[in-house]
C-alpha cells in the first residue's frame, strides 16, 4: 500500500492545479515504482487543485 507521503514524494515538482495525466507524467518522470503508478491510475480523471485534493482522492480509492 502506498502512503500519501510516498505518493507526494513522487509528485515532487508538479504544478497545481494538475490533471490526472499531469500526475502520471510527473510520477513517471520521478521514477515512481509500479504500485505508485497503479494508484495514480485508479484516481478519478479530474483536475486536482492541490496536494491535499490528491490525498483526499487517494483516501477514497484505497
N, C-alpha and C. Protein backbone atom coordinates (compact mmCIF):
# COMPACT_ATOMS: atom_id res chain seq x y z
N UNK A 1 0.84 -1.19 0.00
CA UNK A 1 0.00 0.00 0.00
C UNK A 1 0.89 1.25 0.00
N UNK A 2 0.51 2.21 -0.78
CA UNK A 2 1.28 3.44 -0.93
C UNK A 2 0.73 4.50 0.03
N UNK A 3 1.59 5.10 0.83
CA UNK A 3 1.15 6.18 1.72
C UNK A 3 1.04 7.48 0.92
N UNK A 4 0.25 8.42 1.44
CA UNK A 4 0.13 9.70 0.76
C UNK A 4 1.46 10.45 0.77
N UNK A 5 2.24 10.25 1.82
CA UNK A 5 3.56 10.88 1.87
C UNK A 5 4.47 10.36 0.77
N UNK A 6 4.43 9.04 0.56
CA UNK A 6 5.24 8.43 -0.51
C UNK A 6 4.77 8.92 -1.87
N UNK A 7 3.45 8.99 -2.05
CA UNK A 7 2.90 9.48 -3.31
C UNK A 7 3.38 10.89 -3.59
N UNK A 8 3.28 11.77 -2.59
CA UNK A 8 3.69 13.16 -2.77
C UNK A 8 5.17 13.28 -3.10
N UNK A 9 5.97 12.36 -2.58
CA UNK A 9 7.41 12.34 -2.89
C UNK A 9 7.62 12.17 -4.40
N UNK A 10 6.81 11.33 -5.03
CA UNK A 10 6.94 11.09 -6.46
C UNK A 10 6.25 12.16 -7.31
N UNK A 11 5.50 13.04 -6.65
CA UNK A 11 4.86 14.15 -7.37
C UNK A 11 5.65 15.44 -7.20
N UNK A 12 6.85 15.32 -6.68
CA UNK A 12 7.72 16.49 -6.46
C UNK A 12 7.90 17.26 -7.77
N UNK A 13 7.69 18.58 -7.69
CA UNK A 13 7.89 19.42 -8.86
C UNK A 13 6.64 19.68 -9.68
N UNK A 14 5.53 19.04 -9.32
CA UNK A 14 4.30 19.24 -10.09
C UNK A 14 3.71 20.61 -9.78
N UNK A 15 3.03 21.19 -10.75
CA UNK A 15 2.38 22.48 -10.57
C UNK A 15 0.87 22.26 -10.52
N UNK A 16 0.25 22.84 -9.51
CA UNK A 16 -1.20 22.72 -9.34
C UNK A 16 -1.89 23.98 -9.85
N UNK A 17 -3.13 23.87 -10.37
CA UNK A 17 -3.91 22.64 -10.47
C UNK A 17 -3.29 21.66 -11.47
N UNK A 18 -3.52 20.37 -11.21
CA UNK A 18 -2.93 19.32 -12.04
C UNK A 18 -4.00 18.31 -12.44
N UNK A 19 -3.92 17.85 -13.67
CA UNK A 19 -4.83 16.80 -14.14
C UNK A 19 -4.26 15.43 -13.75
N UNK A 20 -5.08 14.42 -13.89
CA UNK A 20 -4.61 13.05 -13.64
C UNK A 20 -3.43 12.74 -14.55
N UNK A 21 -3.50 13.20 -15.80
CA UNK A 21 -2.41 13.00 -16.75
C UNK A 21 -1.12 13.67 -16.26
N UNK A 22 -1.25 14.88 -15.70
CA UNK A 22 -0.08 15.58 -15.13
C UNK A 22 0.53 14.76 -13.99
N UNK A 23 -0.34 14.19 -13.15
CA UNK A 23 0.14 13.37 -12.03
C UNK A 23 0.94 12.18 -12.56
N UNK A 24 0.39 11.52 -13.58
CA UNK A 24 1.05 10.35 -14.17
C UNK A 24 2.42 10.73 -14.75
N UNK A 25 2.45 11.81 -15.53
CA UNK A 25 3.70 12.24 -16.17
C UNK A 25 4.76 12.61 -15.14
N UNK A 26 4.35 13.34 -14.09
CA UNK A 26 5.31 13.78 -13.08
C UNK A 26 5.85 12.58 -12.30
N UNK A 27 4.96 11.68 -11.90
CA UNK A 27 5.39 10.50 -11.16
C UNK A 27 6.33 9.65 -12.01
N UNK A 28 6.01 9.49 -13.28
CA UNK A 28 6.85 8.72 -14.18
C UNK A 28 8.23 9.37 -14.32
N UNK A 29 8.24 10.70 -14.44
CA UNK A 29 9.50 11.44 -14.54
C UNK A 29 10.35 11.34 -13.28
N UNK A 30 9.67 11.13 -12.13
CA UNK A 30 10.37 10.97 -10.86
C UNK A 30 10.64 9.50 -10.54
N UNK A 31 10.50 8.66 -11.56
CA UNK A 31 10.80 7.23 -11.46
C UNK A 31 10.00 6.52 -10.36
N UNK A 32 8.70 6.81 -10.34
CA UNK A 32 7.81 6.16 -9.37
C UNK A 32 7.70 4.67 -9.65
N UNK A 33 7.66 3.85 -8.60
CA UNK A 33 7.50 2.40 -8.79
C UNK A 33 6.09 2.06 -9.28
N UNK A 34 5.92 0.83 -9.71
CA UNK A 34 4.66 0.38 -10.30
C UNK A 34 3.47 0.59 -9.36
N UNK A 35 3.63 0.33 -8.07
CA UNK A 35 2.48 0.48 -7.16
C UNK A 35 2.00 1.92 -7.08
N UNK A 36 2.92 2.88 -7.16
CA UNK A 36 2.55 4.30 -7.16
C UNK A 36 1.83 4.64 -8.46
N UNK A 37 2.35 4.17 -9.58
CA UNK A 37 1.72 4.44 -10.88
C UNK A 37 0.32 3.80 -10.94
N UNK A 38 0.18 2.60 -10.38
CA UNK A 38 -1.12 1.93 -10.36
C UNK A 38 -2.13 2.73 -9.53
N UNK A 39 -1.67 3.26 -8.40
CA UNK A 39 -2.54 4.06 -7.55
C UNK A 39 -3.02 5.31 -8.28
N UNK A 40 -2.11 6.02 -8.92
CA UNK A 40 -2.49 7.21 -9.68
C UNK A 40 -3.47 6.83 -10.79
N UNK A 41 -3.23 5.68 -11.41
CA UNK A 41 -4.12 5.20 -12.47
C UNK A 41 -5.55 4.96 -12.01
N UNK A 42 -5.73 4.68 -10.71
CA UNK A 42 -7.07 4.42 -10.17
C UNK A 42 -7.78 5.70 -9.71
N UNK A 43 -7.08 6.82 -9.72
CA UNK A 43 -7.70 8.08 -9.29
C UNK A 43 -8.70 8.57 -10.33
N UNK A 44 -9.72 9.32 -9.89
CA UNK A 44 -10.68 9.90 -10.85
C UNK A 44 -9.97 10.83 -11.84
N UNK A 45 -10.46 10.83 -13.07
CA UNK A 45 -9.89 11.68 -14.12
C UNK A 45 -10.48 13.08 -13.96
N UNK A 46 -9.79 13.91 -13.19
CA UNK A 46 -10.27 15.25 -12.89
C UNK A 46 -9.09 16.18 -12.64
N UNK A 47 -9.39 17.44 -12.38
CA UNK A 47 -8.36 18.41 -12.04
C UNK A 47 -8.21 18.44 -10.52
N UNK A 48 -6.98 18.44 -10.06
CA UNK A 48 -6.68 18.47 -8.63
C UNK A 48 -6.07 19.83 -8.28
N UNK A 49 -6.79 20.65 -7.49
CA UNK A 49 -6.30 21.99 -7.17
C UNK A 49 -5.05 22.02 -6.29
N UNK A 50 -4.84 20.98 -5.48
CA UNK A 50 -3.71 21.00 -4.54
C UNK A 50 -3.33 19.57 -4.13
N UNK A 51 -2.18 19.42 -3.48
CA UNK A 51 -1.79 18.09 -2.98
C UNK A 51 -2.82 17.51 -2.01
N UNK A 52 -3.47 18.36 -1.24
CA UNK A 52 -4.50 17.90 -0.30
C UNK A 52 -5.63 17.21 -1.05
N UNK A 53 -6.01 17.76 -2.20
CA UNK A 53 -7.08 17.16 -3.00
C UNK A 53 -6.66 15.80 -3.57
N UNK A 54 -5.40 15.67 -3.93
CA UNK A 54 -4.88 14.38 -4.40
C UNK A 54 -4.97 13.37 -3.26
N UNK A 55 -4.53 13.77 -2.07
CA UNK A 55 -4.56 12.87 -0.91
C UNK A 55 -5.98 12.45 -0.56
N UNK A 56 -6.94 13.38 -0.67
CA UNK A 56 -8.35 13.05 -0.40
C UNK A 56 -8.85 12.01 -1.39
N UNK A 57 -8.49 12.18 -2.66
CA UNK A 57 -8.91 11.24 -3.71
C UNK A 57 -8.30 9.86 -3.45
N UNK A 58 -7.05 9.82 -3.01
CA UNK A 58 -6.39 8.55 -2.67
C UNK A 58 -7.15 7.86 -1.55
N UNK A 59 -7.58 8.63 -0.56
CA UNK A 59 -8.33 8.07 0.56
C UNK A 59 -9.64 7.43 0.13
N UNK A 60 -10.24 7.95 -0.93
CA UNK A 60 -11.49 7.39 -1.43
C UNK A 60 -11.27 6.18 -2.32
N UNK A 61 -10.08 6.04 -2.90
CA UNK A 61 -9.78 4.93 -3.82
C UNK A 61 -9.37 3.69 -3.04
N UNK A 62 -8.50 3.85 -2.08
CA UNK A 62 -7.95 2.70 -1.33
C UNK A 62 -8.84 2.16 -0.28
